[in-house]
């Protein structure tokens, strides 16, 4: 089956509805790593209010326990973080991340599988990020 749209608005509405009601957490980030858009599943994953998500970085929203700390001599977290590398548009397009986060003032170990996709809108480059929370499976 092929969908045909009369107006671009119809296609946009469909895409927006698909993303908003997708069971996996989805967010969109720009070159500055800050969240520009997110769906309800992402808000549920982070257990955050809208104002605590928009304009903030993923690790800041999730409360990554490694944020700003030196992990090893070769791994300065915020400068050489796997998540930052993924969002920067490097060769990585997916990542399995097992890390402790502080959610609602409790340290929680999350098992996340993250896929990213390059998106261009109005001539600007973004990363569409899809997160599968596999914590319950472990």
C-alpha atoms as a PDB file:
ATOM      1  CA  UNK A   1       0.000   0.000   0.000  1.00  0.00           C
ATOM      2  CA  UNK A   2       1.276   3.435  -0.846  1.00  0.00           C
ATOM      3  CA  UNK A   3       0.008   6.547   0.881  1.00  0.00           C
ATOM      4  CA  UNK A   4      -0.718   9.548  -1.291  1.00  0.00           C
ATOM      5  CA  UNK A   5      -1.265  12.990   0.143  1.00  0.00           C
ATOM      6  CA  UNK A   6      -2.982  15.944  -1.453  1.00  0.00           C
ATOM      7  CA  UNK A   7      -1.240  18.495   0.763  1.00  0.00           C
ATOM      8  CA  UNK A   8       2.079  18.466   2.626  1.00  0.00           C
ATOM      9  CA  UNK A   9       0.150  19.275   5.818  1.00  0.00           C
ATOM     10  CA  UNK A  10      -1.531  15.854   5.637  1.00  0.00           C
ATOM     11  CA  UNK A  11       1.858  14.107   5.506  1.00  0.00           C
ATOM     12  CA  UNK A  12       3.164  16.263   8.362  1.00  0.00           C
ATOM     13  CA  UNK A  13       0.119  15.464  10.490  1.00  0.00           C
ATOM     14  CA  UNK A  14       0.574  11.738   9.920  1.00  0.00           C
ATOM     15  CA  UNK A  15       4.290  11.817  10.776  1.00  0.00           C
ATOM     16  CA  UNK A  16       3.617  13.876  13.907  1.00  0.00           C
ATOM     17  CA  UNK A  17       0.926  11.448  15.058  1.00  0.00           C
ATOM     18  CA  UNK A  18       3.161   8.426  14.419  1.00  0.00           C
ATOM     19  CA  UNK A  19       6.023   9.931  16.424  1.00  0.00           C
ATOM     20  CA  UNK A  20       3.830  11.183  19.246  1.00  0.00           C
ATOM     21  CA  UNK A  21       2.155   7.805  19.748  1.00  0.00           C
ATOM     22  CA  UNK A  22       5.222   5.636  19.147  1.00  0.00           C
ATOM     23  CA  UNK A  23       5.917   3.319  22.113  1.00  0.00           C
ATOM     24  CA  UNK A  24       9.657   4.061  22.091  1.00  0.00           C
ATOM     25  CA  UNK A  25      11.128   7.287  23.389  1.00  0.00           C
ATOM     26  CA  UNK A  26      11.958   9.709  20.575  1.00  0.00           C
ATOM     27  CA  UNK A  27      13.632  13.099  20.601  1.00  0.00           C
ATOM     28  CA  UNK A  28      15.182  15.502  18.101  1.00  0.00           C
ATOM     29  CA  UNK A  29      18.412  17.358  18.767  1.00  0.00           C
ATOM     30  CA  UNK A  30      20.448  19.937  16.893  1.00  0.00           C
ATOM     31  CA  UNK A  31      24.198  20.526  16.612  1.00  0.00           C
ATOM     32  CA  UNK A  32      24.211  21.935  20.159  1.00  0.00           C
ATOM     33  CA  UNK A  33      23.016  18.534  21.564  1.00  0.00           C
ATOM     34  CA  UNK A  34      19.928  20.193  23.075  1.00  0.00           C
ATOM     35  CA  UNK A  35      16.469  18.647  22.729  1.00  0.00           C
ATOM     36  CA  UNK A  36      14.243  20.486  20.251  1.00  0.00           C
ATOM     37  CA  UNK A  37      11.339  18.017  20.192  1.00  0.00           C
ATOM     38  CA  UNK A  38      10.307  14.895  22.112  1.00  0.00           C
ATOM     39  CA  UNK A  39       7.381  12.504  22.361  1.00  0.00           C
ATOM     40  CA  UNK A  40       5.351  11.392  25.367  1.00  0.00           C
ATOM     41  CA  UNK A  41       7.343   8.138  25.662  1.00  0.00           C
ATOM     42  CA  UNK A  42      10.548  10.169  26.082  1.00  0.00           C
ATOM     43  CA  UNK A  43       8.886  12.263  28.763  1.00  0.00           C
ATOM     44  CA  UNK A  44       7.780   9.064  30.526  1.00  0.00           C
ATOM     45  CA  UNK A  45      11.294   7.546  30.282  1.00  0.00           C
ATOM     46  CA  UNK A  46      12.902  10.606  31.814  1.00  0.00           C
ATOM     47  CA  UNK A  47      10.074  11.219  34.283  1.00  0.00           C
ATOM     48  CA  UNK A  48      10.520  14.920  33.547  1.00  0.00           C
ATOM     49  CA  UNK A  49       8.304  17.910  32.983  1.00  0.00           C
ATOM     50  CA  UNK A  50       8.269  19.542  29.532  1.00  0.00           C
ATOM     51  CA  UNK A  51      10.236  22.556  30.802  1.00  0.00           C
ATOM     52  CA  UNK A  52      12.972  20.262  32.118  1.00  0.00           C
ATOM     53  CA  UNK A  53      13.420  18.666  28.670  1.00  0.00           C
ATOM     54  CA  UNK A  54      13.235  21.315  25.939  1.00  0.00           C
ATOM     55  CA  UNK A  55      16.525  23.119  25.489  1.00  0.00           C
ATOM     56  CA  UNK A  56      18.453  20.692  27.690  1.00  0.00           C
ATOM     57  CA  UNK A  57      20.980  17.985  26.798  1.00  0.00           C
ATOM     58  CA  UNK A  58      20.103  14.269  27.020  1.00  0.00           C
ATOM     59  CA  UNK A  59      22.514  13.514  29.884  1.00  0.00           C
ATOM     60  CA  UNK A  60      21.349  16.569  31.781  1.00  0.00           C
ATOM     61  CA  UNK A  61      17.715  15.469  31.413  1.00  0.00           C
ATOM     62  CA  UNK A  62      18.459  11.864  32.372  1.00  0.00           C
ATOM     63  CA  UNK A  63      20.717  12.875  35.264  1.00  0.00           C
ATOM     64  CA  UNK A  64      23.700  10.824  34.105  1.00  0.00           C
ATOM     65  CA  UNK A  65      25.858  10.024  37.133  1.00  0.00           C
ATOM     66  CA  UNK A  66      29.025  10.351  35.017  1.00  0.00           C
ATOM     67  CA  UNK A  67      28.261  13.865  33.815  1.00  0.00           C
ATOM     68  CA  UNK A  68      31.284  16.062  34.235  1.00  0.00           C
ATOM     69  CA  UNK A  69      33.394  13.386  35.908  1.00  0.00           C
ATOM     70  CA  UNK A  70      36.642  11.931  34.594  1.00  0.00           C
ATOM     71  CA  UNK A  71      36.082   8.205  34.039  1.00  0.00           C
ATOM     72  CA  UNK A  72      39.583   7.261  32.915  1.00  0.00           C
ATOM     73  CA  UNK A  73      42.623   9.129  31.740  1.00  0.00           C
ATOM     74  CA  UNK A  74      41.429   8.779  28.120  1.00  0.00           C
ATOM     75  CA  UNK A  75      37.741   9.368  28.721  1.00  0.00           C
ATOM     76  CA  UNK A  76      36.636  12.852  29.795  1.00  0.00           C
ATOM     77  CA  UNK A  77      32.918  12.252  30.029  1.00  0.00           C
ATOM     78  CA  UNK A  78      31.244  15.300  28.578  1.00  0.00           C
ATOM     79  CA  UNK A  79      33.843  15.877  25.895  1.00  0.00           C
ATOM     80  CA  UNK A  80      34.237  12.251  24.800  1.00  0.00           C
ATOM     81  CA  UNK A  81      30.931  10.734  25.846  1.00  0.00           C
ATOM     82  CA  UNK A  82      29.497   7.926  23.712  1.00  0.00           C
ATOM     83  CA  UNK A  83      26.137   9.696  23.664  1.00  0.00           C
ATOM     84  CA  UNK A  84      27.716  12.937  22.482  1.00  0.00           C
ATOM     85  CA  UNK A  85      29.632  11.039  19.813  1.00  0.00           C
ATOM     86  CA  UNK A  86      26.390   9.442  18.663  1.00  0.00           C
ATOM     87  CA  UNK A  87      24.582  12.794  18.523  1.00  0.00           C
ATOM     88  CA  UNK A  88      27.462  14.594  16.822  1.00  0.00           C
ATOM     89  CA  UNK A  89      26.878  12.722  13.582  1.00  0.00           C
ATOM     90  CA  UNK A  90      29.984  10.598  13.780  1.00  0.00           C
ATOM     91  CA  UNK A  91      30.110   7.153  12.199  1.00  0.00           C
ATOM     92  CA  UNK A  92      28.048   5.731  15.059  1.00  0.00           C
ATOM     93  CA  UNK A  93      24.356   5.333  14.352  1.00  0.00           C
ATOM     94  CA  UNK A  94      23.417   3.072  17.253  1.00  0.00           C
ATOM     95  CA  UNK A  95      24.601   2.470  20.766  1.00  0.00           C
ATOM     96  CA  UNK A  96      23.825   0.237  23.715  1.00  0.00           C
ATOM     97  CA  UNK A  97      24.212   2.298  26.852  1.00  0.00           C
ATOM     98  CA  UNK A  98      24.182   0.763  30.327  1.00  0.00           C
ATOM     99  CA  UNK A  99      24.590   3.568  32.794  1.00  0.00           C
ATOM    100  CA  UNK A 100      23.367   4.915  36.099  1.00  0.00           C
ATOM    101  CA  UNK A 101      21.036   7.874  36.011  1.00  0.00           C
ATOM    102  CA  UNK A 102      19.433   9.917  38.783  1.00  0.00           C
ATOM    103  CA  UNK A 103      15.681   9.898  38.195  1.00  0.00           C
ATOM    104  CA  UNK A 104      13.400  11.462  40.808  1.00  0.00           C
ATOM    105  CA  UNK A 105      16.352  11.590  43.232  1.00  0.00           C
ATOM    106  CA  UNK A 106      17.022   7.856  42.946  1.00  0.00           C
ATOM    107  CA  UNK A 107      19.975   6.213  41.190  1.00  0.00           C
ATOM    108  CA  UNK A 108      18.640   3.848  38.535  1.00  0.00           C
ATOM    109  CA  UNK A 109      20.666   1.647  36.173  1.00  0.00           C
ATOM    110  CA  UNK A 110      19.172   1.869  32.687  1.00  0.00           C
ATOM    111  CA  UNK A 111      19.824  -0.498  29.767  1.00  0.00           C
ATOM    112  CA  UNK A 112      19.137   1.629  26.691  1.00  0.00           C
ATOM    113  CA  UNK A 113      19.463   0.786  23.014  1.00  0.00           C
ATOM    114  CA  UNK A 114      19.709   4.013  21.037  1.00  0.00           C
ATOM    115  CA  UNK A 115      19.378   4.505  17.270  1.00  0.00           C
ATOM    116  CA  UNK A 116      19.972   7.820  15.557  1.00  0.00           C
ATOM    117  CA  UNK A 117      18.970   9.054  12.138  1.00  0.00           C
ATOM    118  CA  UNK A 118      20.073  12.147  10.267  1.00  0.00           C
ATOM    119  CA  UNK A 119      17.254  14.533   9.402  1.00  0.00           C
ATOM    120  CA  UNK A 120      17.374  17.799   7.436  1.00  0.00           C
ATOM    121  CA  UNK A 121      14.568  20.312   7.883  1.00  0.00           C
ATOM    122  CA  UNK A 122      14.587  23.807   6.439  1.00  0.00           C
ATOM    123  CA  UNK A 123      18.255  23.332   5.547  1.00  0.00           C
ATOM    124  CA  UNK A 124      19.269  22.567   9.156  1.00  0.00           C
ATOM    125  CA  UNK A 125      20.719  19.222  10.246  1.00  0.00           C
ATOM    126  CA  UNK A 126      19.240  17.359  13.191  1.00  0.00           C
ATOM    127  CA  UNK A 127      19.488  13.923  14.793  1.00  0.00           C
ATOM    128  CA  UNK A 128      16.318  11.954  15.363  1.00  0.00           C
ATOM    129  CA  UNK A 129      16.962   9.666  18.327  1.00  0.00           C
ATOM    130  CA  UNK A 130      14.933   6.538  19.122  1.00  0.00           C
ATOM    131  CA  UNK A 131      15.474   4.925  22.527  1.00  0.00           C
ATOM    132  CA  UNK A 132      14.423   1.414  23.431  1.00  0.00           C
ATOM    133  CA  UNK A 133      14.477   1.070  27.223  1.00  0.00           C
ATOM    134  CA  UNK A 134      15.493  -2.565  27.774  1.00  0.00           C
ATOM    135  CA  UNK A 135      15.925  -2.208  31.535  1.00  0.00           C
ATOM    136  CA  UNK A 136      13.044  -4.540  32.398  1.00  0.00           C
ATOM    137  CA  UNK A 137      14.485  -7.280  30.176  1.00  0.00           C
ATOM    138  CA  UNK A 138      17.698  -7.460  32.244  1.00  0.00           C
END
